[in-house]
């Protein structure tokens, strides 16, 4: 889990997507409007974030709504705290 999470966080585009989702849920088009890259590239980044469980998605009609999965961030924080305690 941690390897996928760190790999997902290593990309600045994915980190910006996470920043956007920190305050509100967004669909793919709303996320893409914040970038100067193609929609297929945004979809690829969203897929990586989903596969690392950093975001979750829910279908709402034709749209897919993305949100931040804070549970994974909590788990990573605990792992880091335990690492630095040792």
N, C-alpha and C. Protein backbone atom coordinates (compact mmCIF):
# COMPACT_ATOMS: atom_id res chain seq x y z
N UNK A 1 0.82 -1.19 0.00
CA UNK A 1 0.00 0.00 0.00
C UNK A 1 0.86 1.26 0.00
N UNK A 2 1.84 1.31 0.87
CA UNK A 2 2.65 2.50 1.00
C UNK A 2 3.41 2.83 -0.28
N UNK A 3 3.91 1.80 -0.98
CA UNK A 3 4.63 2.04 -2.23
C UNK A 3 3.75 2.69 -3.28
N UNK A 4 2.50 2.21 -3.41
CA UNK A 4 1.56 2.81 -4.36
C UNK A 4 1.24 4.25 -3.98
N UNK A 5 1.09 4.47 -2.69
CA UNK A 5 0.76 5.81 -2.20
C UNK A 5 1.89 6.78 -2.50
N UNK A 6 3.10 6.40 -2.19
CA UNK A 6 4.25 7.28 -2.43
C UNK A 6 4.44 7.52 -3.92
N UNK A 7 4.28 6.49 -4.73
CA UNK A 7 4.40 6.65 -6.18
C UNK A 7 3.34 7.63 -6.70
N UNK A 8 2.13 7.51 -6.19
CA UNK A 8 1.06 8.40 -6.63
C UNK A 8 1.34 9.84 -6.21
N UNK A 9 1.90 10.02 -5.03
CA UNK A 9 2.19 11.36 -4.52
C UNK A 9 3.41 12.00 -5.16
N UNK A 10 4.20 11.21 -5.87
CA UNK A 10 5.45 11.73 -6.44
C UNK A 10 5.22 12.67 -7.62
N UNK A 11 4.04 12.67 -8.20
CA UNK A 11 3.77 13.48 -9.38
C UNK A 11 3.09 14.80 -9.00
N UNK A 12 3.62 15.94 -9.48
CA UNK A 12 3.02 17.24 -9.12
C UNK A 12 1.58 17.43 -9.60
N UNK A 13 1.23 16.86 -10.74
CA UNK A 13 -0.15 16.96 -11.22
C UNK A 13 -1.09 16.24 -10.27
N UNK A 14 -0.70 15.05 -9.84
CA UNK A 14 -1.55 14.31 -8.90
C UNK A 14 -1.65 15.02 -7.56
N UNK A 15 -0.56 15.63 -7.11
CA UNK A 15 -0.62 16.38 -5.85
C UNK A 15 -1.59 17.56 -5.98
N UNK A 16 -1.59 18.22 -7.14
CA UNK A 16 -2.51 19.34 -7.34
C UNK A 16 -3.96 18.85 -7.37
N UNK A 17 -4.20 17.70 -7.98
CA UNK A 17 -5.55 17.12 -7.97
C UNK A 17 -6.00 16.89 -6.53
N UNK A 18 -5.11 16.34 -5.71
CA UNK A 18 -5.44 16.10 -4.31
C UNK A 18 -5.74 17.41 -3.59
N UNK A 19 -4.97 18.45 -3.89
CA UNK A 19 -5.23 19.77 -3.29
C UNK A 19 -6.63 20.27 -3.67
N UNK A 20 -7.00 20.09 -4.93
CA UNK A 20 -8.33 20.51 -5.38
C UNK A 20 -9.43 19.75 -4.63
N UNK A 21 -9.21 18.46 -4.42
CA UNK A 21 -10.22 17.62 -3.78
C UNK A 21 -10.24 17.78 -2.27
N UNK A 22 -9.26 18.48 -1.73
CA UNK A 22 -9.21 18.69 -0.29
C UNK A 22 -10.41 19.50 0.19
N UNK A 23 -10.91 20.40 -0.64
CA UNK A 23 -11.97 21.29 -0.20
C UNK A 23 -13.36 20.94 -0.74
N UNK A 24 -13.41 20.16 -1.85
CA UNK A 24 -14.71 19.84 -2.41
C UNK A 24 -14.61 18.62 -3.33
N UNK A 25 -15.75 17.98 -3.55
CA UNK A 25 -15.81 16.90 -4.53
C UNK A 25 -15.95 17.51 -5.91
N UNK A 26 -15.35 16.88 -6.91
CA UNK A 26 -15.36 17.42 -8.27
C UNK A 26 -15.52 16.29 -9.28
N UNK A 27 -16.09 16.61 -10.43
CA UNK A 27 -16.11 15.63 -11.51
C UNK A 27 -14.84 15.80 -12.35
N UNK A 28 -14.62 14.89 -13.27
CA UNK A 28 -13.38 14.90 -14.06
C UNK A 28 -13.23 16.19 -14.87
N UNK A 29 -14.31 16.70 -15.42
CA UNK A 29 -14.25 17.93 -16.20
C UNK A 29 -13.85 19.12 -15.35
N UNK A 30 -14.38 19.18 -14.13
CA UNK A 30 -14.03 20.27 -13.22
C UNK A 30 -12.56 20.19 -12.83
N UNK A 31 -12.08 18.97 -12.62
CA UNK A 31 -10.66 18.79 -12.30
C UNK A 31 -9.81 19.20 -13.50
N UNK A 32 -10.18 18.74 -14.68
CA UNK A 32 -9.40 19.01 -15.89
C UNK A 32 -9.33 20.50 -16.20
N UNK A 33 -10.35 21.26 -15.83
CA UNK A 33 -10.36 22.70 -16.13
C UNK A 33 -9.27 23.46 -15.40
N UNK A 34 -8.64 22.83 -14.42
CA UNK A 34 -7.55 23.45 -13.66
C UNK A 34 -6.17 23.17 -14.24
N UNK A 35 -6.13 22.46 -15.37
CA UNK A 35 -4.85 22.04 -15.95
C UNK A 35 -4.80 22.35 -17.44
N UNK A 36 -3.61 22.47 -17.96
CA UNK A 36 -3.41 22.65 -19.41
C UNK A 36 -2.90 21.36 -20.03
N UNK A 37 -3.53 20.25 -19.66
CA UNK A 37 -3.17 18.96 -20.25
C UNK A 37 -4.46 18.29 -20.74
N UNK A 38 -4.31 17.26 -21.54
CA UNK A 38 -5.48 16.62 -22.14
C UNK A 38 -6.34 15.90 -21.10
N UNK A 39 -7.61 15.74 -21.43
CA UNK A 39 -8.52 15.01 -20.54
C UNK A 39 -8.10 13.55 -20.36
N UNK A 40 -7.60 12.88 -21.42
CA UNK A 40 -7.10 11.52 -21.20
C UNK A 40 -5.93 11.47 -20.19
N UNK A 41 -5.09 12.50 -20.19
CA UNK A 41 -3.99 12.55 -19.21
C UNK A 41 -4.55 12.72 -17.80
N UNK A 42 -5.56 13.56 -17.65
CA UNK A 42 -6.20 13.73 -16.34
C UNK A 42 -6.82 12.40 -15.90
N UNK A 43 -7.47 11.70 -16.82
CA UNK A 43 -8.06 10.40 -16.49
C UNK A 43 -7.01 9.42 -16.03
N UNK A 44 -5.85 9.45 -16.66
CA UNK A 44 -4.75 8.58 -16.26
C UNK A 44 -4.31 8.89 -14.83
N UNK A 45 -4.15 10.18 -14.52
CA UNK A 45 -3.76 10.57 -13.16
C UNK A 45 -4.83 10.18 -12.15
N UNK A 46 -6.10 10.36 -12.51
CA UNK A 46 -7.19 9.97 -11.61
C UNK A 46 -7.18 8.46 -11.36
N UNK A 47 -6.88 7.70 -12.39
CA UNK A 47 -6.81 6.25 -12.26
C UNK A 47 -5.70 5.84 -11.28
N UNK A 48 -4.56 6.48 -11.40
CA UNK A 48 -3.45 6.17 -10.48
C UNK A 48 -3.83 6.53 -9.04
N UNK A 49 -4.47 7.68 -8.87
CA UNK A 49 -4.89 8.08 -7.52
C UNK A 49 -5.94 7.12 -6.96
N UNK A 50 -6.86 6.65 -7.81
CA UNK A 50 -7.86 5.68 -7.36
C UNK A 50 -7.21 4.35 -7.00
N UNK A 51 -6.27 3.89 -7.83
CA UNK A 51 -5.61 2.61 -7.56
C UNK A 51 -4.76 2.64 -6.29
N UNK A 52 -4.34 3.82 -5.89
CA UNK A 52 -3.58 3.94 -4.64
C UNK A 52 -4.50 4.26 -3.47
N UNK A 53 -5.81 4.30 -3.72
CA UNK A 53 -6.84 4.57 -2.71
C UNK A 53 -6.77 5.98 -2.12
N UNK A 54 -6.08 6.90 -2.79
CA UNK A 54 -6.03 8.27 -2.29
C UNK A 54 -7.31 9.04 -2.59
N UNK A 55 -8.03 8.61 -3.63
CA UNK A 55 -9.33 9.21 -3.93
C UNK A 55 -10.35 8.09 -4.15
N UNK A 56 -11.60 8.47 -4.04
CA UNK A 56 -12.68 7.53 -4.34
C UNK A 56 -13.61 8.20 -5.34
N UNK A 57 -14.42 7.39 -5.98
CA UNK A 57 -15.34 7.93 -6.99
C UNK A 57 -16.71 7.32 -6.85
N UNK A 58 -17.71 8.11 -7.25
CA UNK A 58 -19.11 7.67 -7.23
C UNK A 58 -19.74 8.15 -8.52
N UNK A 59 -20.45 7.25 -9.19
CA UNK A 59 -21.13 7.62 -10.43
C UNK A 59 -22.43 8.34 -10.07
N UNK A 60 -22.64 9.48 -10.72
CA UNK A 60 -23.86 10.26 -10.56
C UNK A 60 -24.41 10.54 -11.95
N UNK A 61 -25.23 9.64 -12.46
CA UNK A 61 -25.73 9.74 -13.83
C UNK A 61 -24.58 9.53 -14.81
N UNK A 62 -24.33 10.53 -15.65
CA UNK A 62 -23.24 10.44 -16.63
C UNK A 62 -21.89 10.84 -16.04
N UNK A 63 -21.90 11.46 -14.88
CA UNK A 63 -20.67 11.97 -14.27
C UNK A 63 -20.10 11.01 -13.24
N UNK A 64 -18.81 11.11 -13.07
CA UNK A 64 -18.15 10.43 -11.97
C UNK A 64 -17.62 11.53 -11.05
N UNK A 65 -18.02 11.47 -9.80
CA UNK A 65 -17.63 12.47 -8.81
C UNK A 65 -16.49 11.91 -7.98
N UNK A 66 -15.42 12.69 -7.88
CA UNK A 66 -14.22 12.26 -7.16
C UNK A 66 -14.13 12.99 -5.82
N UNK A 67 -13.63 12.29 -4.81
CA UNK A 67 -13.42 12.89 -3.50
C UNK A 67 -12.16 12.31 -2.87
N UNK A 68 -11.62 13.05 -1.94
CA UNK A 68 -10.42 12.64 -1.24
C UNK A 68 -10.74 11.52 -0.26
N UNK A 69 -9.89 10.53 -0.19
CA UNK A 69 -10.05 9.43 0.76
C UNK A 69 -9.12 9.70 1.94
N UNK A 70 -9.63 10.37 2.95
CA UNK A 70 -8.79 10.79 4.07
C UNK A 70 -8.30 9.60 4.91
N UNK A 71 -8.98 8.47 4.83
CA UNK A 71 -8.56 7.30 5.59
C UNK A 71 -7.14 6.88 5.24
N UNK A 72 -6.80 6.92 3.95
CA UNK A 72 -5.45 6.54 3.52
C UNK A 72 -4.43 7.53 4.06
N UNK A 73 -4.76 8.81 4.05
CA UNK A 73 -3.84 9.82 4.59
C UNK A 73 -3.62 9.58 6.08
N UNK A 74 -4.67 9.21 6.79
CA UNK A 74 -4.53 8.89 8.22
C UNK A 74 -3.60 7.70 8.41
N UNK A 75 -3.76 6.66 7.60
CA UNK A 75 -2.92 5.47 7.72
C UNK A 75 -1.45 5.79 7.43
N UNK A 76 -1.21 6.61 6.41
CA UNK A 76 0.17 7.00 6.08
C UNK A 76 0.76 7.83 7.20
N UNK A 77 -0.03 8.74 7.76
CA UNK A 77 0.46 9.56 8.87
C UNK A 77 0.87 8.69 10.06
N UNK A 78 0.06 7.69 10.37
CA UNK A 78 0.38 6.78 11.47
C UNK A 78 1.68 6.02 11.18
N UNK A 79 1.82 5.53 9.95
CA UNK A 79 3.05 4.82 9.59
C UNK A 79 4.28 5.72 9.73
N UNK A 80 4.17 6.95 9.29
CA UNK A 80 5.29 7.88 9.39
C UNK A 80 5.63 8.23 10.83
N UNK A 81 4.61 8.42 11.64
CA UNK A 81 4.84 8.72 13.06
C UNK A 81 5.54 7.55 13.73
N UNK A 82 5.06 6.34 13.46
CA UNK A 82 5.69 5.13 14.04
C UNK A 82 7.13 4.99 13.56
N UNK A 83 7.38 5.30 12.29
CA UNK A 83 8.72 5.20 11.74
C UNK A 83 9.68 6.14 12.47
N UNK A 84 9.26 7.37 12.68
CA UNK A 84 10.14 8.35 13.30
C UNK A 84 10.26 8.19 14.81
N UNK A 85 9.35 7.47 15.43
CA UNK A 85 9.45 7.17 16.86
C UNK A 85 10.55 6.15 17.15
N UNK A 86 10.81 5.29 16.18
CA UNK A 86 11.77 4.20 16.40
C UNK A 86 13.18 4.68 16.32
